[in-house]
Every structure is written in C-alpha cells, then in structure tokens.
C-alpha cells in the first residue's frame, strides 16, 4: 500500500487548485467572449454565476474528495452508494476526454514559445504561419508528445511534484501576465480597448444569450464540475476550510481572466485598426479560439518595440496556464486507477501512454479536434449536474452538516446554500437546451457540432460505465466495507 499523500500547506493546495482553474480559457477565450457579448454588461451575469454555479460546485467537489478520500468514481460510490459510481466514472472520463485534446493545445502553446524566441513567428503573416504549422502534422504531434511527457513526469513525482510545479508556474504566470498587461495598457490608443471592456451596455442585460454565455464561461474557466478539484481534495489536510478555499480559487480565477482581457483587448484596439475593425479582430473565431491567440496576437506584437520579448512572455504565460491545467487532468485519471489498486508509477505510465495515443487524432485533424472540443466541453455541464445530484441524493442539509460545516472552519454555510444547490440542475437544463438549439440535428451524428454526436458519445460512455460499474466498484472498494 502506497504512503498517503497530502499537500504540505494551504498555499500548496491553493496554488495547485488555481493551477487547475487557470488555463487557456482564461487567457484566450475570456477576452473574446467579453468583447463579443457586451463588455461591461457581460461582467454582471459573469459575476453572478460565480456564486450560483462555480463556487457552489467547487465547494461540493472539495467536500466529496475530502470526505471520500477517493477519485471521482470512488467518491460517488462512497457518497451516493456503489450503484451510482458510474456517474463519477463519467465525470472522470469527461475530463479525460478533454485531456486527450487539451494536451494538443498545450503543445501549440509550447510551439509558439519557441517560435517567438527565434522570431520565426514574425517571418509570415499570422494566418500563414498558423496554417503552415498545422499542415505539417508532425509538428503538432511532436509538441503534443512534449506536453504529455512534461505533464506525466510531474504527476509521476506525486502530490509533491504537483505542489512544486504549481508553486513555480502560478506565481510566474501572474508576473508574466502583469508585465504584458502593463505594456499593453501603455500603448497609444489602448484606453479605447479599456473603455470597450468596462463600459456597460445595459440593453445587453436583457439579452438572454449574454447570460447563458456568462454561465458557460464561468463553468469552463473555473473548472467547477470537472472533478479536478474533487481529485485534489483527496490530498487536502483535514483542517482545511472548504468554503474559504473555494472562494479564493473562484476569485483568483476571475482575476486572471480580467488581467488577460486587459492584456489582449487594448493591444487589439491600439494596433489592430491597421488590419480591420478592432472589435472584429477580438471576436475572430477559430478552433479553440485560435484566431485571436495564434493568428493576430503575433502580428500585433510585431508592431511594438521589444515585440519578440513581450510575445514570448505572453506565450510563456499561456504555456504555464496550459500545463498547470493539464497536470490536474492527468492526476484525475491517474487517481482513478490508483483507487483500483495500481501504484502511481504503473498508473501514470498507462495514463500517459494511452492519453498520447488517443490525442493523436486531434493533433492530426482539426475536424476531429473540433468535434471532441464540442462534445466534452458540453459534457462538463452534465458532470456538474451529476455532482449536484450527488449532494441532493445524500440530502443537501445533511451533506452541508457532515462534509462542509466542520469544526475549525473560517466560514460556515447556512440554508441559502441548499437552495443554490437545487438551482444547479435548473441551470444545467437551461444551458444544455440553449447549446443544443445552436447545434446541428439529433440524427446528424457525424457532424462536428451537432446534438446527435454529443448524445451518441455521451450515451456510449454512460452505457459502458453502467455495464462495468459493479466490477469497477469492487476494484475500488476491495477490502473495504461499504
């Protein structure tokens, strides 16, 4: 039996958790979304959903992991009963599905760090360089391998490895972003971008799409409902305050998003008018929002003194954010297999190898990448629903008293929290209905963006997990009374 692993301190836990939450979604997705959906008007529902979706789910995840001391599958089996363990398996698999292509994205970020250092990214127009990089195929594949190798090595080192990595990555990320933000804000014309970001258009508050996009961004950005915090909670000390830690993570994640917006949007307004309408540049679409990040940002930084240096800082920060999130996904998967009796060494060798192989299609085909991003990004909403359902089945009041409001807490929750937990399934139904209404039909199972492809892949996964649930729970709880 392996020695029990724990984070050495609260700061270690918080930095690892912030590393999980802070990812590429903060740095490249948030600026585009806030610019597209009303600037200052978007901030209002975005902050509201921090309290209605993200922090409550972070609290539930911390409680499940800390209470059960097992990964997603084992935690659901322990709290809901073994016959519901398949829900936790789905939560874990959903994050695993994202890991397969997120490693590819992490590889892109690493590639652009090297290209910024050498200056090669400036030798072609942004779109030409991006297209040539993707077209080679072997380069995305190689950098996908590098990303998985780095992440797997950190997880091989155990919780101490996660803690040490994030103690370097997260402070460095903040410093790099702050330097880039200051440079961005000092550009002539940058104030127009700031005004665009923070000037509210109150009419937009009556646009339901703004609210649904704000909920989506909050869920994807904070990592709430992914099962990642649940996994890290397995290693938290008993005296750690769940509510306070959840609040710090939520606000920390939002702070990085705002810094990223203040880094990117003012640059586009200051320099982008030479190419097109700055608003259109900020909203440039693309796979995983590649348009703004990988196509236009290099072109814009090339116009300023020291552009190569500041562009390198930007992509280095982006790489740090990507790696810190990737390792949390690798650890989630590794923890599930460790619960089944594998040593960390055997588990990470298997997880790292399989993840590389299953990420190859996304590295080679943008169509496949887009499909997986669509299916499993939306699948996270179902994961959040399952986590709320776990607390509801257990009894929200009893859950709060037994797993959240513990002796020594800095903050305890009242009955209002019970109401919020019951609102999570309502938010899920509204959000998933809206996203499905934007997509292709139910029968179009081979489309990259359709209801049919989501239901097919989710359904196959759930059927398999229900079929193997008894065996999986027996493996997870072998030798324990349940």
Protein backbone atom coordinates (compact mmCIF):
# COMPACT_ATOMS: atom_id res chain seq x y z
CA UNK A 1 0.00 0.00 0.00
CA UNK A 2 1.40 3.38 -1.00
CA UNK A 3 2.15 6.04 1.58
CA UNK A 4 -0.70 8.53 2.00
CA UNK A 5 0.00 11.73 0.07
CA UNK A 6 -1.04 15.19 1.27
CA UNK A 7 -0.38 18.78 0.26
CA UNK A 8 2.15 20.20 2.70
CA UNK A 9 0.35 23.50 3.26
CA UNK A 10 -2.72 25.55 2.39
CA UNK A 11 -0.69 27.65 -0.03
CA UNK A 12 0.40 24.47 -1.80
CA UNK A 13 -3.21 23.32 -2.11
CA UNK A 14 -4.41 26.74 -3.26
CA UNK A 15 -1.71 27.16 -5.89
CA UNK A 16 -2.37 23.66 -7.24
CA UNK A 17 -6.10 24.40 -7.31
CA UNK A 18 -5.54 27.74 -9.03
CA UNK A 19 -3.32 25.92 -11.50
CA UNK A 20 -6.25 23.62 -12.22
CA UNK A 21 -8.68 26.52 -12.66
CA UNK A 22 -6.46 28.97 -14.54
CA UNK A 23 -5.98 27.72 -18.07
CA UNK A 24 -6.11 28.74 -21.69
CA UNK A 25 -9.83 29.50 -21.32
CA UNK A 26 -8.93 32.48 -19.13
CA UNK A 27 -6.31 33.88 -21.46
CA UNK A 28 -7.70 33.32 -24.94
CA UNK A 29 -11.41 32.59 -24.54
CA UNK A 30 -12.46 35.18 -21.96
CA UNK A 31 -11.20 38.28 -23.83
CA UNK A 32 -13.05 37.19 -26.98
CA UNK A 33 -16.28 36.37 -25.15
CA UNK A 34 -16.41 39.54 -23.04
CA UNK A 35 -15.72 41.65 -26.13
CA UNK A 36 -18.41 39.89 -28.14
CA UNK A 37 -21.13 39.96 -25.50
CA UNK A 38 -21.32 43.49 -24.25
CA UNK A 39 -18.08 44.25 -22.42
CA UNK A 40 -19.06 45.68 -19.05
CA UNK A 41 -22.57 44.27 -19.40
CA UNK A 42 -21.14 40.75 -19.60
CA UNK A 43 -19.34 41.21 -16.28
CA UNK A 44 -22.58 41.44 -14.30
CA UNK A 45 -24.03 37.97 -15.09
CA UNK A 46 -20.49 36.53 -15.15
CA UNK A 47 -20.00 37.57 -11.50
CA UNK A 48 -23.49 36.39 -10.54
CA UNK A 49 -22.79 32.89 -11.87
CA UNK A 50 -19.59 32.75 -9.85
CA UNK A 51 -21.91 32.47 -6.84
CA UNK A 52 -24.71 30.45 -8.45
CA UNK A 53 -22.65 27.81 -10.27
CA UNK A 54 -18.87 27.90 -9.87
CA UNK A 55 -18.18 28.40 -6.16
CA UNK A 56 -21.05 26.09 -5.07
CA UNK A 57 -19.74 23.30 -7.32
CA UNK A 58 -16.17 23.86 -6.11
CA UNK A 59 -17.48 23.51 -2.54
CA UNK A 60 -19.29 20.28 -3.41
CA UNK A 61 -16.21 18.88 -5.16
CA UNK A 62 -13.92 19.71 -2.25
CA UNK A 63 -16.41 18.07 0.10
CA UNK A 64 -16.74 14.89 -1.97
CA UNK A 65 -13.00 14.42 -2.37
CA UNK A 66 -12.13 15.27 1.22
CA UNK A 67 -14.97 13.17 2.62
CA UNK A 68 -14.39 10.06 0.50
CA UNK A 69 -10.60 10.34 0.00
CA UNK A 70 -11.04 8.79 -3.43
CA UNK A 71 -11.16 9.96 -7.04
CA UNK A 72 -14.35 10.68 -8.94
CA UNK A 73 -15.59 7.09 -9.32
CA UNK A 74 -14.85 6.12 -5.72
CA UNK A 75 -16.23 9.37 -4.29
CA UNK A 76 -19.61 8.91 -5.98
CA UNK A 77 -19.68 5.28 -4.86
CA UNK A 78 -18.91 6.27 -1.28
CA UNK A 79 -21.36 9.15 -1.00
CA UNK A 80 -24.26 8.04 -3.24
CA UNK A 81 -23.84 4.28 -3.00
CA UNK A 82 -21.95 1.87 -5.24
CA UNK A 83 -24.71 1.57 -7.82
CA UNK A 84 -24.23 5.27 -8.64
CA UNK A 85 -20.47 5.00 -9.08
CA UNK A 86 -20.91 5.13 -12.87
CA UNK A 87 -21.78 8.83 -12.54
CA UNK A 88 -18.37 9.51 -11.01
CA UNK A 89 -16.77 7.41 -13.73
CA UNK A 90 -18.48 9.58 -16.34
CA UNK A 91 -17.25 12.75 -14.59
CA UNK A 92 -13.72 11.38 -14.68
CA UNK A 93 -13.97 10.23 -18.29
CA UNK A 94 -15.32 13.59 -19.43
CA UNK A 95 -12.25 15.37 -18.03
CA UNK A 96 -10.14 12.59 -19.52
CA UNK A 97 -11.70 13.19 -22.95
CA UNK A 98 -10.73 16.85 -22.68
CA UNK A 99 -7.21 15.86 -21.62
CA UNK A 100 -6.69 14.00 -24.90
CA UNK A 101 -7.04 17.17 -26.99
CA UNK A 102 -6.05 19.73 -24.33
CA UNK A 103 -2.57 18.24 -24.49
CA UNK A 104 -2.58 19.17 -28.19
CA UNK A 105 -3.47 22.77 -27.29
CA UNK A 106 -0.70 22.81 -24.68
CA UNK A 107 1.66 21.66 -27.43
CA UNK A 108 0.57 24.58 -29.64
CA UNK A 109 1.42 26.98 -26.80
CA UNK A 110 4.87 25.44 -26.33
CA UNK A 111 5.50 25.61 -30.08
CA UNK A 112 4.67 29.33 -30.14
CA UNK A 113 7.06 29.99 -27.25
CA UNK A 114 9.92 28.55 -29.32
CA UNK A 115 8.73 30.39 -32.44
CA UNK A 116 8.57 33.68 -30.50
CA UNK A 117 12.08 33.23 -29.09
CA UNK A 118 13.56 32.54 -32.54
CA UNK A 119 11.42 35.16 -34.26
CA UNK A 120 10.15 32.63 -36.82
CA UNK A 121 6.55 33.54 -36.00
CA UNK A 122 7.21 37.01 -37.46
CA UNK A 123 8.50 35.74 -40.81
CA UNK A 124 5.00 35.07 -42.15
CA UNK A 125 1.57 36.62 -41.72
CA UNK A 126 -0.20 35.23 -38.64
CA UNK A 127 -2.66 33.05 -40.53
CA UNK A 128 0.01 31.77 -42.94
CA UNK A 129 2.29 30.72 -40.08
CA UNK A 130 -0.57 29.01 -38.23
CA UNK A 131 -1.74 27.16 -41.34
CA UNK A 132 1.78 26.01 -42.21
CA UNK A 133 2.34 24.77 -38.65
CA UNK A 134 -0.89 22.76 -38.58
CA UNK A 135 -0.36 21.44 -42.11
CA UNK A 136 2.96 19.80 -41.23
CA UNK A 137 1.09 17.40 -38.88
CA UNK A 138 4.31 16.03 -37.43
CA UNK A 139 4.90 19.29 -35.53
CA UNK A 140 1.53 19.32 -33.69
CA UNK A 141 2.11 15.62 -32.98
CA UNK A 142 5.62 16.23 -31.63
CA UNK A 143 4.54 19.08 -29.36
CA UNK A 144 1.54 17.05 -28.17
CA UNK A 145 4.06 14.39 -27.14
CA UNK A 146 6.19 17.02 -25.35
CA UNK A 147 3.16 18.30 -23.43
CA UNK A 148 2.14 14.80 -22.29
CA UNK A 149 5.72 14.00 -21.34
CA UNK A 150 6.04 17.13 -19.18
CA UNK A 151 2.65 16.59 -17.53
CA UNK A 152 3.21 12.88 -16.92
CA UNK A 153 6.63 13.49 -15.36
CA UNK A 154 5.15 15.98 -12.89
CA UNK A 155 2.37 13.54 -11.92
CA UNK A 156 4.92 10.70 -11.64
CA UNK A 157 6.53 12.74 -8.85
CA UNK A 158 3.25 12.62 -6.91
CA UNK A 159 1.48 15.33 -4.93
CA UNK A 160 4.82 16.94 -4.05
CA UNK A 161 5.51 17.18 -7.78
CA UNK A 162 2.14 18.85 -8.38
CA UNK A 163 2.77 21.23 -5.49
CA UNK A 164 6.30 22.18 -6.56
CA UNK A 165 5.28 22.65 -10.19
CA UNK A 166 2.41 24.97 -9.32
CA UNK A 167 4.47 26.93 -6.79
CA UNK A 168 6.61 27.89 -9.78
CA UNK A 169 4.00 28.01 -12.57
CA UNK A 170 1.25 30.09 -10.94
CA UNK A 171 3.33 32.96 -9.45
CA UNK A 172 5.31 33.07 -12.71
CA UNK A 173 2.06 33.18 -14.69
CA UNK A 174 0.81 36.15 -12.67
CA UNK A 175 4.10 38.03 -13.07
CA UNK A 176 4.29 37.40 -16.82
CA UNK A 177 0.68 38.47 -17.37
CA UNK A 178 1.12 41.61 -15.26
CA UNK A 179 4.21 42.63 -17.28
CA UNK A 180 2.36 42.03 -20.55
CA UNK A 181 -0.70 43.93 -19.23
CA UNK A 182 1.36 46.97 -18.27
CA UNK A 183 2.96 47.03 -21.72
CA UNK A 184 -0.43 46.68 -23.36
CA UNK A 185 -2.01 49.49 -21.34
CA UNK A 186 0.83 51.89 -22.16
CA UNK A 187 0.30 51.62 -25.93
CA UNK A 188 -1.20 54.68 -27.65
CA UNK A 189 -4.91 54.09 -28.11
CA UNK A 190 -5.09 51.30 -25.52
CA UNK A 191 -7.59 53.29 -23.45
CA UNK A 192 -10.20 52.69 -26.17
CA UNK A 193 -9.91 48.97 -25.51
CA UNK A 194 -10.26 49.51 -21.76
CA UNK A 195 -13.34 51.64 -22.28
CA UNK A 196 -14.82 48.99 -24.56
CA UNK A 197 -14.23 46.32 -21.92
CA UNK A 198 -15.72 48.13 -18.94
CA UNK A 199 -18.39 50.41 -20.37
CA UNK A 200 -21.70 48.62 -19.76
CA UNK A 201 -24.44 48.49 -22.34
CA UNK A 202 -27.43 47.98 -20.11
CA UNK A 203 -29.61 46.89 -23.01
CA UNK A 204 -27.43 43.78 -23.26
CA UNK A 205 -28.62 42.68 -19.82
CA UNK A 206 -31.97 41.87 -21.42
CA UNK A 207 -30.26 39.58 -23.94
CA UNK A 208 -30.60 36.00 -22.66
CA UNK A 209 -27.61 34.93 -24.75
CA UNK A 210 -25.31 37.18 -22.69
CA UNK A 211 -26.44 35.40 -19.51
CA UNK A 212 -26.01 31.93 -20.97
CA UNK A 213 -22.56 32.77 -22.35
CA UNK A 214 -21.60 34.16 -18.93
CA UNK A 215 -22.67 30.91 -17.24
CA UNK A 216 -20.77 28.89 -19.83
CA UNK A 217 -17.61 30.96 -19.39
CA UNK A 218 -17.80 30.71 -15.60
CA UNK A 219 -18.17 26.93 -15.74
CA UNK A 220 -15.40 26.35 -18.26
CA UNK A 221 -12.98 28.87 -16.78
CA UNK A 222 -13.09 27.88 -13.11
CA UNK A 223 -13.10 24.14 -13.75
CA UNK A 224 -16.12 23.79 -11.47
CA UNK A 225 -17.89 20.48 -12.02
CA UNK A 226 -14.96 18.87 -13.83
CA UNK A 227 -13.97 16.56 -10.96
CA UNK A 228 -10.47 18.09 -10.87
CA UNK A 229 -10.89 19.85 -7.52
CA UNK A 230 -12.52 16.68 -6.19
CA UNK A 231 -9.29 14.85 -7.04
CA UNK A 232 -7.01 17.44 -5.43
CA UNK A 233 -9.25 17.40 -2.35
CA UNK A 234 -8.22 13.78 -1.76
CA UNK A 235 -4.84 15.19 -0.69
CA UNK A 236 -6.01 18.13 1.43
CA UNK A 237 -5.44 18.17 5.18
CA UNK A 238 -8.44 17.54 7.40
CA UNK A 239 -8.31 21.03 8.94
CA UNK A 240 -8.53 22.84 5.59
CA UNK A 241 -11.55 25.14 5.20
CA UNK A 242 -13.55 24.10 2.13
CA UNK A 243 -15.64 27.27 1.75
CA UNK A 244 -12.77 29.73 2.10
CA UNK A 245 -10.56 27.77 -0.31
CA UNK A 246 -13.36 27.57 -2.88
CA UNK A 247 -13.91 31.32 -2.71
CA UNK A 248 -10.20 32.07 -3.12
CA UNK A 249 -9.99 29.80 -6.17
CA UNK A 250 -13.07 31.33 -7.79
CA UNK A 251 -11.94 34.92 -7.28
CA UNK A 252 -8.35 34.08 -8.23
CA UNK A 253 -9.51 32.55 -11.50
CA UNK A 254 -11.67 35.57 -12.29
CA UNK A 255 -8.76 37.92 -11.53
CA UNK A 256 -6.56 36.17 -14.09
CA UNK A 257 -9.36 36.43 -16.66
CA UNK A 258 -9.60 40.19 -16.18
CA UNK A 259 -5.82 40.62 -16.37
CA UNK A 260 -5.81 38.62 -19.60
CA UNK A 261 -8.57 40.79 -21.05
CA UNK A 262 -6.59 43.91 -20.10
CA UNK A 263 -3.57 42.40 -21.82
CA UNK A 264 -5.17 41.41 -25.10
CA UNK A 265 -8.08 43.74 -25.88
CA UNK A 266 -6.17 47.06 -25.51
CA UNK A 267 -3.43 45.71 -27.83
CA UNK A 268 -6.02 44.90 -30.48
CA UNK A 269 -7.58 48.35 -30.22
CA UNK A 270 -4.21 50.11 -30.20
CA UNK A 271 -2.69 48.27 -33.15
CA UNK A 272 -5.41 46.27 -34.89
CA UNK A 273 -7.12 49.14 -36.71
CA UNK A 274 -4.42 48.90 -39.37
CA UNK A 275 -5.85 45.50 -40.33
CA UNK A 276 -9.57 45.60 -39.60
CA UNK A 277 -12.22 46.70 -37.16
CA UNK A 278 -10.70 46.00 -33.69
CA UNK A 279 -13.99 44.55 -32.46
CA UNK A 280 -13.98 42.02 -35.30
CA UNK A 281 -10.38 41.08 -34.53
CA UNK A 282 -11.17 40.42 -30.88
CA UNK A 283 -14.05 38.20 -31.93
CA UNK A 284 -12.02 36.30 -34.56
CA UNK A 285 -13.29 32.72 -34.47
CA UNK A 286 -11.31 29.53 -34.89
CA UNK A 287 -10.71 26.10 -33.38
CA UNK A 288 -10.42 26.62 -29.62
CA UNK A 289 -10.36 30.37 -30.40
CA UNK A 290 -7.09 30.11 -32.29
CA UNK A 291 -7.94 33.17 -34.36
CA UNK A 292 -7.08 35.88 -31.86
CA UNK A 293 -4.39 34.00 -29.95
CA UNK A 294 -2.30 32.34 -32.62
CA UNK A 295 -3.09 34.41 -35.69
CA UNK A 296 -3.45 38.05 -34.65
CA UNK A 297 -1.51 38.44 -31.39
CA UNK A 298 1.90 37.68 -33.02
CA UNK A 299 1.10 40.10 -35.82
CA UNK A 300 0.14 42.83 -33.37
CA UNK A 301 3.11 42.40 -31.05
CA UNK A 302 5.40 42.62 -34.08
CA UNK A 303 4.47 46.31 -34.35
CA UNK A 304 5.84 47.38 -30.97
CA UNK A 305 9.39 47.85 -29.70
CA UNK A 306 10.54 44.70 -27.95
CA UNK A 307 7.70 42.80 -29.57
CA UNK A 308 9.59 39.50 -29.65
CA UNK A 309 10.29 39.73 -25.90
CA UNK A 310 6.70 40.57 -24.94
CA UNK A 311 5.24 37.99 -27.31
CA UNK A 312 7.49 35.36 -25.73
CA UNK A 313 6.25 36.42 -22.29
CA UNK A 314 2.65 36.11 -23.48
CA UNK A 315 3.03 32.60 -24.89
CA UNK A 316 5.14 31.53 -21.92
CA UNK A 317 2.30 32.62 -19.62
CA UNK A 318 -0.17 30.79 -21.85
CA UNK A 319 2.01 27.64 -21.72
CA UNK A 320 2.27 27.80 -17.93
CA UNK A 321 -1.53 28.10 -17.70
CA UNK A 322 -1.99 25.17 -20.07
CA UNK A 323 0.50 22.90 -18.28
CA UNK A 324 -0.94 23.65 -14.82
CA UNK A 325 -4.41 22.66 -16.02
CA UNK A 326 -3.16 19.63 -17.98
CA UNK A 327 -1.48 18.10 -14.94
CA UNK A 328 -4.74 18.27 -12.98
CA UNK A 329 -6.46 16.28 -15.74
CA UNK A 330 -3.67 13.70 -15.77
CA UNK A 331 -3.83 13.39 -11.98
CA UNK A 332 -7.61 12.90 -12.04
CA UNK A 333 -7.24 9.94 -14.39
CA UNK A 334 -4.24 8.55 -12.52
CA UNK A 335 -6.12 8.76 -9.19
CA UNK A 336 -8.98 6.61 -10.51
CA UNK A 337 -6.56 3.82 -11.42
CA UNK A 338 -4.70 4.19 -8.13
CA UNK A 339 -8.02 3.70 -6.33
CA UNK A 340 -8.31 0.42 -8.23
CA UNK A 341 -5.03 -0.81 -6.76
CA UNK A 342 -2.36 0.35 -9.22
CA UNK A 343 0.76 2.06 -7.94
CA UNK A 344 1.27 5.67 -9.04
CA UNK A 345 4.17 4.59 -11.26
CA UNK A 346 2.15 1.96 -13.12
CA UNK A 347 -0.91 4.19 -13.32
CA UNK A 348 0.90 7.19 -14.80
CA UNK A 349 2.80 5.09 -17.34
CA UNK A 350 -0.52 3.68 -18.55
CA UNK A 351 -2.38 7.01 -18.44
CA UNK A 352 0.40 8.97 -20.16
CA UNK A 353 0.80 6.40 -22.93
CA UNK A 354 -2.92 5.99 -23.62
CA UNK A 355 -3.52 9.75 -23.48
CA UNK A 356 -0.81 10.37 -26.06
CA UNK A 357 -2.23 7.74 -28.42
CA UNK A 358 -5.83 8.92 -28.05
CA UNK A 359 -4.73 12.52 -28.56
CA UNK A 360 -3.10 11.74 -31.91
CA UNK A 361 -6.33 12.16 -33.98
CA UNK A 362 -6.85 15.66 -32.53
CA UNK A 363 -3.22 16.54 -33.29
CA UNK A 364 -3.58 15.43 -36.91
CA UNK A 365 -7.14 16.56 -37.74
CA UNK A 366 -8.70 19.90 -36.84
CA UNK A 367 -12.12 18.46 -37.69
CA UNK A 368 -11.69 15.70 -35.10
CA UNK A 369 -10.29 18.24 -32.62
CA UNK A 370 -13.32 20.49 -33.03
CA UNK A 371 -15.71 17.57 -32.55
CA UNK A 372 -14.04 16.45 -29.32
CA UNK A 373 -13.91 20.02 -28.02
CA UNK A 374 -17.65 20.38 -28.68
CA UNK A 375 -18.69 17.02 -27.21
CA UNK A 376 -16.68 17.00 -23.99
CA UNK A 377 -16.81 20.74 -23.26
CA UNK A 378 -20.60 20.43 -23.20
CA UNK A 379 -20.24 17.13 -21.37
CA UNK A 380 -18.79 19.08 -18.46
CA UNK A 381 -22.21 20.60 -17.86
CA UNK A 382 -23.57 17.10 -17.33
CA UNK A 383 -20.68 16.45 -14.93
CA UNK A 384 -21.68 19.49 -12.89
CA UNK A 385 -25.27 18.24 -12.83
CA UNK A 386 -24.12 14.83 -11.54
CA UNK A 387 -22.06 16.44 -8.76
CA UNK A 388 -25.05 18.49 -7.61
CA UNK A 389 -27.20 15.36 -7.84
CA UNK A 390 -24.80 13.54 -5.52
CA UNK A 391 -25.40 16.13 -2.80
CA UNK A 392 -29.15 16.18 -3.44
CA UNK A 393 -29.45 12.39 -3.16
CA UNK A 394 -27.40 12.36 0.04
CA UNK A 395 -29.54 15.19 1.38
CA UNK A 396 -28.21 18.73 0.91
CA UNK A 397 -28.75 19.77 4.54
CA UNK A 398 -27.10 16.58 5.81
CA UNK A 399 -24.32 16.95 3.24
CA UNK A 400 -23.67 20.52 4.40
CA UNK A 401 -23.55 19.49 8.06
CA UNK A 402 -21.42 16.36 7.58
CA UNK A 403 -18.95 17.45 4.90
CA UNK A 404 -18.83 21.27 4.71
CA UNK A 405 -19.54 22.94 8.08
CA UNK A 406 -16.78 21.23 10.03
CA UNK A 407 -15.08 22.22 13.27
CA UNK A 408 -12.35 24.81 12.81
CA UNK A 409 -13.85 26.38 9.66
CA UNK A 410 -13.30 30.06 8.99
CA UNK A 411 -16.64 30.19 7.12
CA UNK A 412 -19.76 28.05 7.57
CA UNK A 413 -22.73 27.91 5.22
CA UNK A 414 -26.39 28.41 6.01
CA UNK A 415 -29.59 27.16 4.42
CA UNK A 416 -29.21 29.53 1.47
CA UNK A 417 -26.55 27.13 0.15
CA UNK A 418 -29.13 24.33 0.00
CA UNK A 419 -31.29 26.49 -2.29
CA UNK A 420 -28.32 27.23 -4.58
CA UNK A 421 -27.51 23.52 -4.92
CA UNK A 422 -31.08 22.84 -6.08
CA UNK A 423 -30.69 25.65 -8.65
CA UNK A 424 -27.70 23.94 -10.31
CA UNK A 425 -29.83 21.29 -12.12
CA UNK A 426 -32.13 24.08 -13.34
CA UNK A 427 -29.16 26.00 -14.74
CA UNK A 428 -27.91 22.80 -16.39
CA UNK A 429 -31.22 22.14 -18.16
CA UNK A 430 -31.50 25.72 -19.46
CA UNK A 431 -27.87 25.82 -20.58
CA UNK A 432 -27.83 22.45 -22.34
CA UNK A 433 -31.13 23.22 -24.09
CA UNK A 434 -29.72 26.50 -25.35
CA UNK A 435 -26.47 24.99 -26.63
CA UNK A 436 -28.33 22.17 -28.34
CA UNK A 437 -30.60 24.71 -30.00
CA UNK A 438 -27.50 26.28 -31.58
CA UNK A 439 -26.20 22.98 -32.98
CA UNK A 440 -26.99 20.53 -35.76
CA UNK A 441 -29.76 17.96 -35.62
CA UNK A 442 -30.29 14.93 -33.43
CA UNK A 443 -29.63 12.47 -36.25
CA UNK A 444 -26.52 14.16 -37.62
CA UNK A 445 -24.09 12.02 -35.59
CA UNK A 446 -21.05 12.61 -37.83
CA UNK A 447 -21.15 16.40 -37.71
CA UNK A 448 -18.53 18.23 -35.67
CA UNK A 449 -21.20 20.33 -33.97
CA UNK A 450 -24.50 18.52 -33.50
CA UNK A 451 -26.82 17.24 -30.81
CA UNK A 452 -26.52 13.77 -32.29
CA UNK A 453 -22.75 13.49 -31.92
CA UNK A 454 -22.98 14.60 -28.27
CA UNK A 455 -25.75 12.17 -27.37
CA UNK A 456 -24.04 9.31 -29.20
CA UNK A 457 -20.68 9.75 -27.45
CA UNK A 458 -22.14 10.55 -24.03
CA UNK A 459 -24.59 7.67 -24.36
CA UNK A 460 -21.95 5.12 -25.33
CA UNK A 461 -19.76 6.18 -22.42
CA UNK A 462 -22.62 6.00 -19.90
CA UNK A 463 -23.83 2.59 -21.16
CA UNK A 464 -20.31 1.18 -20.84
CA UNK A 465 -19.82 2.65 -17.37
CA UNK A 466 -23.15 1.28 -16.13
CA UNK A 467 -22.21 -2.13 -17.56
CA UNK A 468 -18.84 -2.26 -15.78
CA UNK A 469 -19.96 -0.38 -12.65
CA UNK A 470 -20.16 -3.42 -10.36
CA UNK A 471 -16.69 -4.59 -11.33
CA UNK A 472 -15.26 -1.06 -11.05
CA UNK A 473 -16.74 -0.51 -7.59
CA UNK A 474 -15.49 -3.92 -6.41
CA UNK A 475 -12.00 -2.99 -7.58
CA UNK A 476 -12.20 0.46 -5.98
CA UNK A 477 -13.55 -0.68 -2.63
CA UNK A 478 -11.77 -4.04 -2.44
CA UNK A 479 -11.13 -4.89 1.20
CA UNK A 480 -13.36 -2.08 2.47
CA UNK A 481 -16.82 -2.29 3.97
CA UNK A 482 -19.35 -0.11 2.22
